[in-house]
């Protein structure tokens, strides 16, 4: 829409608000003849008579009242755009909306956000935790600016995935557990152990089952949970042992024994953004900080091995 058309609609809107061209001119801080000219141009270009002129007074036609509804919506949107722009100028990055799978959202991302806000205290962030499939939906619908998730089948083509790290599963054990004497475990070592497992909705459960099938082990699962953090809490309470991602295990390193297992299976952490729409500077910086934080955290685990893509690979 051209600037000239917006000026015509501003004059039209002002006349409807004030009831006269003279008061509209005062509102717009232009002359009354200028208002009249803008209205005449609008009527000429649209081919619609908008006002009846009776004794130098303007009376809106039915067509004008219909057009007024759309113009009101337009100026509300323009006002909102101006408000958001002013807010961004005043606050810098404005608001950053984030969705994350629990494996990153319970511990790592809150710590990254704390560092982020220390450098940019004006940042306002909204962090939501959800399963990976829901994170994908939230990014695709524009509910959030950036999402952190495992790969999911049928990722929409409107999304771009940035691989952050591919990490092997680790075993978490209660303090003093007999297997803690070993530096590295094998699946056979868990044959007589009671397992706390991630739920069927998590692809890692299928990967764990395949690992045990290959080694012909019949693992006894005592409790299933969709959250690795809950699995770690159950292990700390003495329910059993668990195979979880090393990011979650890192945050329980002072309460649990953590050991690598070989062979293992992988957790593929990635970030999601809208394809063709570059992330905001805040979202891009957060993505970089999370990508840096994952290997830094997991490298402190004894025997931890991880693959960090060169920067974040897109898929």
C-alpha atoms as a PDB file:
ATOM      1  CA  UNK A   1       0.000   0.000   0.000  1.00  0.00           C
ATOM      2  CA  UNK A   2       1.428   3.341  -1.059  1.00  0.00           C
ATOM      3  CA  UNK A   3       2.106   6.169   1.359  1.00  0.00           C
ATOM      4  CA  UNK A   4      -0.365   8.337  -0.615  1.00  0.00           C
ATOM      5  CA  UNK A   5      -3.151   5.801  -0.084  1.00  0.00           C
ATOM      6  CA  UNK A   6      -2.376   5.593   3.639  1.00  0.00           C
ATOM      7  CA  UNK A   7      -2.643   9.402   3.868  1.00  0.00           C
ATOM      8  CA  UNK A   8      -6.040   9.249   2.142  1.00  0.00           C
ATOM      9  CA  UNK A   9      -7.250   6.592   4.569  1.00  0.00           C
ATOM     10  CA  UNK A  10      -5.897   8.616   7.507  1.00  0.00           C
ATOM     11  CA  UNK A  11      -8.031  11.577   6.390  1.00  0.00           C
ATOM     12  CA  UNK A  12     -11.065   9.306   5.909  1.00  0.00           C
ATOM     13  CA  UNK A  13     -10.538   7.750   9.351  1.00  0.00           C
ATOM     14  CA  UNK A  14     -10.081  11.136  11.020  1.00  0.00           C
ATOM     15  CA  UNK A  15     -13.288  12.565   9.486  1.00  0.00           C
ATOM     16  CA  UNK A  16     -15.267   9.568  10.722  1.00  0.00           C
ATOM     17  CA  UNK A  17     -13.738   9.948  14.198  1.00  0.00           C
ATOM     18  CA  UNK A  18     -14.297  13.701  14.533  1.00  0.00           C
ATOM     19  CA  UNK A  19     -17.395  14.232  12.404  1.00  0.00           C
ATOM     20  CA  UNK A  20     -16.004  17.064  10.275  1.00  0.00           C
ATOM     21  CA  UNK A  21     -13.177  17.912   7.908  1.00  0.00           C
ATOM     22  CA  UNK A  22     -12.179  20.901  10.053  1.00  0.00           C
ATOM     23  CA  UNK A  23     -11.685  18.857  13.226  1.00  0.00           C
ATOM     24  CA  UNK A  24     -10.031  16.092  11.197  1.00  0.00           C
ATOM     25  CA  UNK A  25      -7.539  18.656   9.916  1.00  0.00           C
ATOM     26  CA  UNK A  26      -6.762  19.700  13.489  1.00  0.00           C
ATOM     27  CA  UNK A  27      -6.273  16.074  14.483  1.00  0.00           C
ATOM     28  CA  UNK A  28      -3.929  15.407  11.563  1.00  0.00           C
ATOM     29  CA  UNK A  29      -2.242  18.817  11.864  1.00  0.00           C
ATOM     30  CA  UNK A  30      -2.873  19.702   8.245  1.00  0.00           C
ATOM     31  CA  UNK A  31      -5.182  22.237   6.596  1.00  0.00           C
ATOM     32  CA  UNK A  32      -8.894  21.665   6.039  1.00  0.00           C
ATOM     33  CA  UNK A  33      -8.522  21.973   2.236  1.00  0.00           C
ATOM     34  CA  UNK A  34      -5.853  19.246   2.384  1.00  0.00           C
ATOM     35  CA  UNK A  35      -8.315  16.913   4.137  1.00  0.00           C
ATOM     36  CA  UNK A  36     -10.972  17.640   1.510  1.00  0.00           C
ATOM     37  CA  UNK A  37      -8.482  16.980  -1.289  1.00  0.00           C
ATOM     38  CA  UNK A  38      -7.417  13.644   0.240  1.00  0.00           C
ATOM     39  CA  UNK A  39     -11.061  12.537   0.504  1.00  0.00           C
ATOM     40  CA  UNK A  40     -11.735  13.523  -3.103  1.00  0.00           C
ATOM     41  CA  UNK A  41      -8.670  11.572  -4.261  1.00  0.00           C
ATOM     42  CA  UNK A  42      -9.798   8.510  -2.306  1.00  0.00           C
ATOM     43  CA  UNK A  43     -13.276   8.649  -3.831  1.00  0.00           C
ATOM     44  CA  UNK A  44     -11.856   9.143  -7.332  1.00  0.00           C
ATOM     45  CA  UNK A  45      -9.357   6.275  -7.079  1.00  0.00           C
ATOM     46  CA  UNK A  46     -11.784   3.819  -5.492  1.00  0.00           C
ATOM     47  CA  UNK A  47     -14.752   4.841  -7.609  1.00  0.00           C
ATOM     48  CA  UNK A  48     -16.939   4.867  -4.495  1.00  0.00           C
ATOM     49  CA  UNK A  49     -18.852   7.851  -3.125  1.00  0.00           C
ATOM     50  CA  UNK A  50     -18.009   7.983   0.547  1.00  0.00           C
ATOM     51  CA  UNK A  51     -19.688  11.162   1.790  1.00  0.00           C
ATOM     52  CA  UNK A  52     -22.815  13.149   1.073  1.00  0.00           C
ATOM     53  CA  UNK A  53     -22.009  16.830   1.273  1.00  0.00           C
ATOM     54  CA  UNK A  54     -24.931  18.812   2.677  1.00  0.00           C
ATOM     55  CA  UNK A  55     -24.479  22.476   3.685  1.00  0.00           C
ATOM     56  CA  UNK A  56     -20.714  22.018   4.032  1.00  0.00           C
ATOM     57  CA  UNK A  57     -21.200  19.004   6.270  1.00  0.00           C
ATOM     58  CA  UNK A  58     -20.055  15.461   5.478  1.00  0.00           C
ATOM     59  CA  UNK A  59     -22.409  12.517   6.004  1.00  0.00           C
ATOM     60  CA  UNK A  60     -20.928   9.017   5.489  1.00  0.00           C
ATOM     61  CA  UNK A  61     -22.647   6.824   2.915  1.00  0.00           C
ATOM     62  CA  UNK A  62     -23.413   3.110   3.576  1.00  0.00           C
ATOM     63  CA  UNK A  63     -20.299   2.329   1.515  1.00  0.00           C
ATOM     64  CA  UNK A  64     -18.246   4.566   3.819  1.00  0.00           C
ATOM     65  CA  UNK A  65     -19.527   2.764   6.911  1.00  0.00           C
ATOM     66  CA  UNK A  66     -18.585  -0.586   5.353  1.00  0.00           C
ATOM     67  CA  UNK A  67     -15.138   0.657   4.414  1.00  0.00           C
ATOM     68  CA  UNK A  68     -14.745   2.101   7.918  1.00  0.00           C
ATOM     69  CA  UNK A  69     -14.728  -1.392   9.444  1.00  0.00           C
ATOM     70  CA  UNK A  70     -11.714  -2.406   7.360  1.00  0.00           C
ATOM     71  CA  UNK A  71      -9.944   0.904   7.912  1.00  0.00           C
ATOM     72  CA  UNK A  72     -10.411   0.579  11.681  1.00  0.00           C
ATOM     73  CA  UNK A  73      -8.755  -2.879  11.530  1.00  0.00           C
ATOM     74  CA  UNK A  74      -5.935  -1.464   9.395  1.00  0.00           C
ATOM     75  CA  UNK A  75      -5.116   1.352  11.805  1.00  0.00           C
ATOM     76  CA  UNK A  76      -5.287  -0.971  14.806  1.00  0.00           C
ATOM     77  CA  UNK A  77      -2.697  -3.175  13.097  1.00  0.00           C
ATOM     78  CA  UNK A  78      -0.552  -0.186  12.164  1.00  0.00           C
ATOM     79  CA  UNK A  79      -0.739   1.002  15.757  1.00  0.00           C
ATOM     80  CA  UNK A  80       0.321  -2.438  16.958  1.00  0.00           C
ATOM     81  CA  UNK A  81       3.250  -2.486  14.521  1.00  0.00           C
ATOM     82  CA  UNK A  82       4.378   0.932  15.763  1.00  0.00           C
ATOM     83  CA  UNK A  83       4.056  -0.242  19.380  1.00  0.00           C
ATOM     84  CA  UNK A  84       6.164  -3.348  18.713  1.00  0.00           C
ATOM     85  CA  UNK A  85       8.787  -1.316  16.839  1.00  0.00           C
ATOM     86  CA  UNK A  86       8.993   1.203  19.691  1.00  0.00           C
ATOM     87  CA  UNK A  87       9.264  -1.620  22.196  1.00  0.00           C
ATOM     88  CA  UNK A  88      12.070  -3.254  20.241  1.00  0.00           C
ATOM     89  CA  UNK A  89      13.946   0.046  20.008  1.00  0.00           C
ATOM     90  CA  UNK A  90      13.517   0.594  23.744  1.00  0.00           C
ATOM     91  CA  UNK A  91      14.292  -2.931  24.870  1.00  0.00           C
ATOM     92  CA  UNK A  92      16.692  -4.071  22.168  1.00  0.00           C
ATOM     93  CA  UNK A  93      15.911  -7.764  21.632  1.00  0.00           C
ATOM     94  CA  UNK A  94      12.323  -7.581  22.918  1.00  0.00           C
ATOM     95  CA  UNK A  95      10.798 -10.979  23.679  1.00  0.00           C
ATOM     96  CA  UNK A  96      12.251 -14.367  22.777  1.00  0.00           C
ATOM     97  CA  UNK A  97       9.834 -17.320  22.731  1.00  0.00           C
ATOM     98  CA  UNK A  98      11.474 -20.724  23.178  1.00  0.00           C
ATOM     99  CA  UNK A  99      10.144 -24.283  23.191  1.00  0.00           C
ATOM    100  CA  UNK A 100      12.357 -27.156  24.273  1.00  0.00           C
ATOM    101  CA  UNK A 101      12.226 -30.867  24.873  1.00  0.00           C
ATOM    102  CA  UNK A 102      12.684 -31.559  28.597  1.00  0.00           C
ATOM    103  CA  UNK A 103      16.174 -33.054  28.195  1.00  0.00           C
ATOM    104  CA  UNK A 104      17.500 -29.544  27.460  1.00  0.00           C
ATOM    105  CA  UNK A 105      14.727 -27.457  28.994  1.00  0.00           C
ATOM    106  CA  UNK A 106      14.999 -28.662  32.590  1.00  0.00           C
ATOM    107  CA  UNK A 107      18.640 -27.794  33.176  1.00  0.00           C
ATOM    108  CA  UNK A 108      20.814 -26.611  30.323  1.00  0.00           C
ATOM    109  CA  UNK A 109      18.667 -23.955  28.645  1.00  0.00           C
ATOM    110  CA  UNK A 110      17.728 -22.221  31.941  1.00  0.00           C
ATOM    111  CA  UNK A 111      21.437 -21.883  32.715  1.00  0.00           C
ATOM    112  CA  UNK A 112      22.136 -20.553  29.229  1.00  0.00           C
ATOM    113  CA  UNK A 113      19.282 -18.063  29.621  1.00  0.00           C
ATOM    114  CA  UNK A 114      20.745 -16.909  32.929  1.00  0.00           C
ATOM    115  CA  UNK A 115      24.045 -16.097  31.203  1.00  0.00           C
ATOM    116  CA  UNK A 116      22.204 -14.501  28.296  1.00  0.00           C
ATOM    117  CA  UNK A 117      20.245 -12.216  30.605  1.00  0.00           C
ATOM    118  CA  UNK A 118      23.371 -11.302  32.507  1.00  0.00           C
ATOM    119  CA  UNK A 119      24.739  -9.856  29.259  1.00  0.00           C
ATOM    120  CA  UNK A 120      21.384  -8.545  28.023  1.00  0.00           C
ATOM    121  CA  UNK A 121      19.137  -7.892  31.040  1.00  0.00           C
ATOM    122  CA  UNK A 122      16.528  -6.284  28.790  1.00  0.00           C
ATOM    123  CA  UNK A 123      15.736  -9.685  27.262  1.00  0.00           C
ATOM    124  CA  UNK A 124      12.291 -11.045  28.056  1.00  0.00           C
ATOM    125  CA  UNK A 125      12.085 -14.778  27.463  1.00  0.00           C
ATOM    126  CA  UNK A 126       9.231 -17.278  27.491  1.00  0.00           C
ATOM    127  CA  UNK A 127      10.374 -20.903  27.879  1.00  0.00           C
ATOM    128  CA  UNK A 128       7.939 -23.772  27.287  1.00  0.00           C
ATOM    129  CA  UNK A 129       8.732 -27.475  27.725  1.00  0.00           C
ATOM    130  CA  UNK A 130       7.090 -30.011  25.440  1.00  0.00           C
ATOM    131  CA  UNK A 131       7.779 -33.326  23.656  1.00  0.00           C
ATOM    132  CA  UNK A 132       9.727 -33.009  20.417  1.00  0.00           C
ATOM    133  CA  UNK A 133       6.650 -33.470  18.205  1.00  0.00           C
ATOM    134  CA  UNK A 134       4.880 -30.619  19.978  1.00  0.00           C
ATOM    135  CA  UNK A 135       7.993 -28.422  19.729  1.00  0.00           C
ATOM    136  CA  UNK A 136       7.930 -28.939  15.948  1.00  0.00           C
ATOM    137  CA  UNK A 137       4.274 -27.881  15.832  1.00  0.00           C
ATOM    138  CA  UNK A 138       4.930 -24.775  17.937  1.00  0.00           C
ATOM    139  CA  UNK A 139       7.755 -23.571  15.685  1.00  0.00           C
ATOM    140  CA  UNK A 140       5.791 -24.338  12.501  1.00  0.00           C
ATOM    141  CA  UNK A 141       2.745 -22.383  13.721  1.00  0.00           C
ATOM    142  CA  UNK A 142       4.804 -19.378  14.809  1.00  0.00           C
ATOM    143  CA  UNK A 143       3.980 -19.838  18.512  1.00  0.00           C
ATOM    144  CA  UNK A 144       7.694 -19.707  19.321  1.00  0.00           C
ATOM    145  CA  UNK A 145      10.785 -18.214  17.694  1.00  0.00           C
ATOM    146  CA  UNK A 146      13.077 -21.196  18.192  1.00  0.00           C
ATOM    147  CA  UNK A 147      12.613 -24.807  19.269  1.00  0.00           C
ATOM    148  CA  UNK A 148      14.968 -27.494  20.570  1.00  0.00           C
ATOM    149  CA  UNK A 149      13.994 -31.074  19.778  1.00  0.00           C
ATOM    150  CA  UNK A 150      15.018 -34.542  18.710  1.00  0.00           C
ATOM    151  CA  UNK A 151      14.360 -35.427  15.039  1.00  0.00           C
ATOM    152  CA  UNK A 152      10.731 -36.338  14.386  1.00  0.00           C
ATOM    153  CA  UNK A 153       9.273 -38.148  11.355  1.00  0.00           C
ATOM    154  CA  UNK A 154       7.674 -35.963   8.711  1.00  0.00           C
ATOM    155  CA  UNK A 155       9.296 -32.658   9.710  1.00  0.00           C
ATOM    156  CA  UNK A 156       7.447 -29.896   7.805  1.00  0.00           C
ATOM    157  CA  UNK A 157       9.356 -28.436   4.879  1.00  0.00           C
ATOM    158  CA  UNK A 158       8.668 -24.994   6.346  1.00  0.00           C
ATOM    159  CA  UNK A 159      11.166 -25.740   9.111  1.00  0.00           C
ATOM    160  CA  UNK A 160      14.947 -25.729   9.104  1.00  0.00           C
ATOM    161  CA  UNK A 161      16.760 -28.009  11.528  1.00  0.00           C
ATOM    162  CA  UNK A 162      20.189 -27.123  12.915  1.00  0.00           C
ATOM    163  CA  UNK A 163      21.996 -30.157  14.346  1.00  0.00           C
ATOM    164  CA  UNK A 164      23.677 -29.130  17.596  1.00  0.00           C
ATOM    165  CA  UNK A 165      25.174 -32.372  18.951  1.00  0.00           C
ATOM    166  CA  UNK A 166      24.861 -36.134  18.580  1.00  0.00           C
ATOM    167  CA  UNK A 167      25.591 -37.764  21.934  1.00  0.00           C
ATOM    168  CA  UNK A 168      25.778 -41.393  23.092  1.00  0.00           C
ATOM    169  CA  UNK A 169      23.491 -42.645  25.845  1.00  0.00           C
ATOM    170  CA  UNK A 170      25.031 -43.141  29.279  1.00  0.00           C
ATOM    171  CA  UNK A 171      24.078 -45.287  32.258  1.00  0.00           C
ATOM    172  CA  UNK A 172      23.100 -43.613  35.529  1.00  0.00           C
ATOM    173  CA  UNK A 173      23.549 -45.649  38.715  1.00  0.00           C
ATOM    174  CA  UNK A 174      22.691 -45.040  42.371  1.00  0.00           C
ATOM    175  CA  UNK A 175      25.677 -43.962  44.512  1.00  0.00           C
ATOM    176  CA  UNK A 176      27.771 -46.920  45.600  1.00  0.00           C
ATOM    177  CA  UNK A 177      26.301 -49.265  43.000  1.00  0.00           C
ATOM    178  CA  UNK A 178      28.464 -52.322  42.221  1.00  0.00           C
ATOM    179  CA  UNK A 179      28.769 -51.341  38.536  1.00  0.00           C
ATOM    180  CA  UNK A 180      30.253 -47.963  39.469  1.00  0.00           C
ATOM    181  CA  UNK A 181      33.613 -49.762  39.938  1.00  0.00           C
ATOM    182  CA  UNK A 182      33.802 -50.137  36.144  1.00  0.00           C
ATOM    183  CA  UNK A 183      34.932 -47.251  33.948  1.00  0.00           C
ATOM    184  CA  UNK A 184      32.778 -48.405  31.045  1.00  0.00           C
ATOM    185  CA  UNK A 185      29.811 -50.746  30.862  1.00  0.00           C
ATOM    186  CA  UNK A 186      28.463 -53.161  28.315  1.00  0.00           C
ATOM    187  CA  UNK A 187      24.809 -54.067  27.823  1.00  0.00           C
ATOM    188  CA  UNK A 188      25.518 -57.498  29.316  1.00  0.00           C
ATOM    189  CA  UNK A 189      26.414 -55.797  32.613  1.00  0.00           C
ATOM    190  CA  UNK A 190      22.778 -54.692  32.983  1.00  0.00           C
ATOM    191  CA  UNK A 191      21.296 -58.166  32.561  1.00  0.00           C
ATOM    192  CA  UNK A 192      20.428 -58.609  36.229  1.00  0.00           C
ATOM    193  CA  UNK A 193      19.527 -54.975  36.853  1.00  0.00           C
ATOM    194  CA  UNK A 194      16.074 -53.425  37.194  1.00  0.00           C
ATOM    195  CA  UNK A 195      15.665 -50.687  34.605  1.00  0.00           C
ATOM    196  CA  UNK A 196      13.990 -47.315  34.694  1.00  0.00           C
ATOM    197  CA  UNK A 197      13.128 -46.567  31.065  1.00  0.00           C
ATOM    198  CA  UNK A 198      11.974 -43.679  28.964  1.00  0.00           C
ATOM    199  CA  UNK A 199       8.442 -44.154  27.641  1.00  0.00           C
ATOM    200  CA  UNK A 200       7.362 -45.584  24.311  1.00  0.00           C
ATOM    201  CA  UNK A 201       6.679 -42.107  22.939  1.00  0.00           C
ATOM    202  CA  UNK A 202      10.440 -41.450  23.027  1.00  0.00           C
ATOM    203  CA  UNK A 203      12.462 -42.874  20.115  1.00  0.00           C
ATOM    204  CA  UNK A 204      15.324 -43.626  22.489  1.00  0.00           C
ATOM    205  CA  UNK A 205      13.171 -46.361  24.036  1.00  0.00           C
ATOM    206  CA  UNK A 206      13.080 -48.143  20.669  1.00  0.00           C
ATOM    207  CA  UNK A 207      16.831 -47.660  20.350  1.00  0.00           C
ATOM    208  CA  UNK A 208      17.389 -49.128  23.816  1.00  0.00           C
ATOM    209  CA  UNK A 209      15.195 -52.130  23.000  1.00  0.00           C
ATOM    210  CA  UNK A 210      17.128 -52.711  19.762  1.00  0.00           C
ATOM    211  CA  UNK A 211      20.408 -52.532  21.679  1.00  0.00           C
ATOM    212  CA  UNK A 212      19.246 -55.190  24.112  1.00  0.00           C
ATOM    213  CA  UNK A 213      17.775 -57.322  21.312  1.00  0.00           C
ATOM    214  CA  UNK A 214      21.145 -57.367  19.538  1.00  0.00           C
ATOM    215  CA  UNK A 215      22.824 -58.616  22.696  1.00  0.00           C
ATOM    216  CA  UNK A 216      19.922 -61.015  23.389  1.00  0.00           C
ATOM    217  CA  UNK A 217      19.197 -59.503  26.775  1.00  0.00           C
ATOM    218  CA  UNK A 218      15.798 -59.514  28.429  1.00  0.00           C
ATOM    219  CA  UNK A 219      15.858 -56.321  30.479  1.00  0.00           C
ATOM    220  CA  UNK A 220      13.358 -55.974  33.328  1.00  0.00           C
ATOM    221  CA  UNK A 221      11.746 -52.513  33.111  1.00  0.00           C
ATOM    222  CA  UNK A 222      10.318 -51.445  36.481  1.00  0.00           C
ATOM    223  CA  UNK A 223       9.102 -47.917  35.670  1.00  0.00           C
ATOM    224  CA  UNK A 224       8.558 -45.959  32.457  1.00  0.00           C
ATOM    225  CA  UNK A 225       8.596 -42.159  32.285  1.00  0.00           C
ATOM    226  CA  UNK A 226       8.662 -39.667  29.400  1.00  0.00           C
ATOM    227  CA  UNK A 227      11.277 -37.527  31.165  1.00  0.00           C
ATOM    228  CA  UNK A 228      14.968 -38.360  31.584  1.00  0.00           C
ATOM    229  CA  UNK A 229      15.104 -36.109  34.670  1.00  0.00           C
ATOM    230  CA  UNK A 230      12.359 -38.176  36.313  1.00  0.00           C
ATOM    231  CA  UNK A 231      14.259 -41.347  35.390  1.00  0.00           C
ATOM    232  CA  UNK A 232      17.317 -39.931  37.172  1.00  0.00           C
ATOM    233  CA  UNK A 233      15.234 -39.089  40.247  1.00  0.00           C
ATOM    234  CA  UNK A 234      13.930 -42.659  40.314  1.00  0.00           C
ATOM    235  CA  UNK A 235      17.488 -43.990  40.057  1.00  0.00           C
ATOM    236  CA  UNK A 236      18.540 -41.704  42.914  1.00  0.00           C
ATOM    237  CA  UNK A 237      15.651 -43.148  44.954  1.00  0.00           C
ATOM    238  CA  UNK A 238      16.999 -46.667  44.394  1.00  0.00           C
ATOM    239  CA  UNK A 239      14.373 -47.945  41.954  1.00  0.00           C
ATOM    240  CA  UNK A 240      16.914 -49.172  39.411  1.00  0.00           C
ATOM    241  CA  UNK A 241      19.381 -48.007  36.764  1.00  0.00           C
ATOM    242  CA  UNK A 242      18.651 -46.080  33.559  1.00  0.00           C
ATOM    243  CA  UNK A 243      20.041 -45.228  30.144  1.00  0.00           C
ATOM    244  CA  UNK A 244      19.590 -41.509  29.494  1.00  0.00           C
ATOM    245  CA  UNK A 245      21.087 -38.705  27.461  1.00  0.00           C
ATOM    246  CA  UNK A 246      24.360 -37.293  28.865  1.00  0.00           C
ATOM    247  CA  UNK A 247      23.001 -33.730  29.070  1.00  0.00           C
ATOM    248  CA  UNK A 248      20.436 -34.735  31.678  1.00  0.00           C
ATOM    249  CA  UNK A 249      22.974 -37.019  33.367  1.00  0.00           C
ATOM    250  CA  UNK A 250      25.372 -34.090  33.726  1.00  0.00           C
ATOM    251  CA  UNK A 251      22.959 -32.254  36.008  1.00  0.00           C
ATOM    252  CA  UNK A 252      22.771 -35.313  38.267  1.00  0.00           C
ATOM    253  CA  UNK A 253      26.528 -35.893  38.366  1.00  0.00           C
ATOM    254  CA  UNK A 254      26.717 -34.912  42.045  1.00  0.00           C
ATOM    255  CA  UNK A 255      23.941 -37.347  43.029  1.00  0.00           C
ATOM    256  CA  UNK A 256      24.429 -40.309  40.709  1.00  0.00           C
ATOM    257  CA  UNK A 257      27.206 -42.377  39.179  1.00  0.00           C
ATOM    258  CA  UNK A 258      27.404 -41.869  35.408  1.00  0.00           C
ATOM    259  CA  UNK A 259      29.124 -44.362  33.128  1.00  0.00           C
ATOM    260  CA  UNK A 260      29.466 -44.708  29.338  1.00  0.00           C
ATOM    261  CA  UNK A 261      28.156 -47.876  27.727  1.00  0.00           C
ATOM    262  CA  UNK A 262      29.532 -49.556  24.599  1.00  0.00           C
ATOM    263  CA  UNK A 263      27.876 -50.275  22.241  1.00  0.00           C
ATOM    264  CA  UNK A 264      25.424 -47.434  22.764  1.00  0.00           C
ATOM    265  CA  UNK A 265      22.784 -45.459  20.879  1.00  0.00           C
ATOM    266  CA  UNK A 266      22.613 -41.747  20.150  1.00  0.00           C
ATOM    267  CA  UNK A 267      20.580 -38.712  21.128  1.00  0.00           C
ATOM    268  CA  UNK A 268      20.433 -36.174  18.284  1.00  0.00           C
ATOM    269  CA  UNK A 269      19.871 -32.672  19.660  1.00  0.00           C
ATOM    270  CA  UNK A 270      18.794 -30.000  17.192  1.00  0.00           C
ATOM    271  CA  UNK A 271      17.269 -26.536  16.948  1.00  0.00           C
ATOM    272  CA  UNK A 272      14.324 -25.628  14.744  1.00  0.00           C
ATOM    273  CA  UNK A 273      13.575 -22.329  13.029  1.00  0.00           C
ATOM    274  CA  UNK A 274      11.295 -21.298  10.176  1.00  0.00           C
ATOM    275  CA  UNK A 275      12.917 -21.938   6.799  1.00  0.00           C
ATOM    276  CA  UNK A 276      13.540 -18.825   4.754  1.00  0.00           C
ATOM    277  CA  UNK A 277      13.120 -16.619   7.812  1.00  0.00           C
ATOM    278  CA  UNK A 278      16.464 -15.898   9.485  1.00  0.00           C
ATOM    279  CA  UNK A 279      16.313 -16.107  13.304  1.00  0.00           C
ATOM    280  CA  UNK A 280      16.406 -12.832  15.207  1.00  0.00           C
ATOM    281  CA  UNK A 281      19.770 -11.785  16.584  1.00  0.00           C
ATOM    282  CA  UNK A 282      18.618 -12.926  20.041  1.00  0.00           C
ATOM    283  CA  UNK A 283      17.457 -16.342  18.780  1.00  0.00           C
ATOM    284  CA  UNK A 284      20.674 -16.801  16.789  1.00  0.00           C
ATOM    285  CA  UNK A 285      22.827 -15.954  19.793  1.00  0.00           C
ATOM    286  CA  UNK A 286      20.841 -18.309  22.031  1.00  0.00           C
ATOM    287  CA  UNK A 287      21.266 -21.077  19.457  1.00  0.00           C
ATOM    288  CA  UNK A 288      25.042 -20.537  19.458  1.00  0.00           C
ATOM    289  CA  UNK A 289      25.175 -20.506  23.259  1.00  0.00           C
ATOM    290  CA  UNK A 290      23.202 -23.760  23.543  1.00  0.00           C
ATOM    291  CA  UNK A 291      25.394 -25.368  20.852  1.00  0.00           C
ATOM    292  CA  UNK A 292      28.486 -24.394  22.881  1.00  0.00           C
ATOM    293  CA  UNK A 293      27.009 -25.421  26.248  1.00  0.00           C
ATOM    294  CA  UNK A 294      26.068 -28.994  25.294  1.00  0.00           C
ATOM    295  CA  UNK A 295      29.594 -30.357  24.649  1.00  0.00           C
ATOM    296  CA  UNK A 296      31.075 -28.235  27.438  1.00  0.00           C
ATOM    297  CA  UNK A 297      28.704 -29.831  29.941  1.00  0.00           C
ATOM    298  CA  UNK A 298      28.930 -33.414  28.737  1.00  0.00           C
ATOM    299  CA  UNK A 299      32.706 -33.400  28.294  1.00  0.00           C
ATOM    300  CA  UNK A 300      33.046 -33.246  32.078  1.00  0.00           C
ATOM    301  CA  UNK A 301      31.427 -36.665  32.418  1.00  0.00           C
ATOM    302  CA  UNK A 302      33.961 -39.430  32.902  1.00  0.00           C
ATOM    303  CA  UNK A 303      34.534 -41.212  29.608  1.00  0.00           C
ATOM    304  CA  UNK A 304      32.003 -39.101  27.760  1.00  0.00           C
ATOM    305  CA  UNK A 305      32.199 -39.126  23.970  1.00  0.00           C
ATOM    306  CA  UNK A 306      30.240 -36.776  21.746  1.00  0.00           C
ATOM    307  CA  UNK A 307      30.057 -35.552  18.198  1.00  0.00           C
ATOM    308  CA  UNK A 308      29.731 -31.797  17.735  1.00  0.00           C
ATOM    309  CA  UNK A 309      28.879 -30.726  14.185  1.00  0.00           C
ATOM    310  CA  UNK A 310      30.918 -27.948  12.624  1.00  0.00           C
ATOM    311  CA  UNK A 311      28.917 -25.022  13.931  1.00  0.00           C
ATOM    312  CA  UNK A 312      25.291 -26.121  13.540  1.00  0.00           C
ATOM    313  CA  UNK A 313      24.537 -28.156  10.468  1.00  0.00           C
ATOM    314  CA  UNK A 314      21.242 -27.481   8.714  1.00  0.00           C
ATOM    315  CA  UNK A 315      18.894 -30.209   7.611  1.00  0.00           C
END
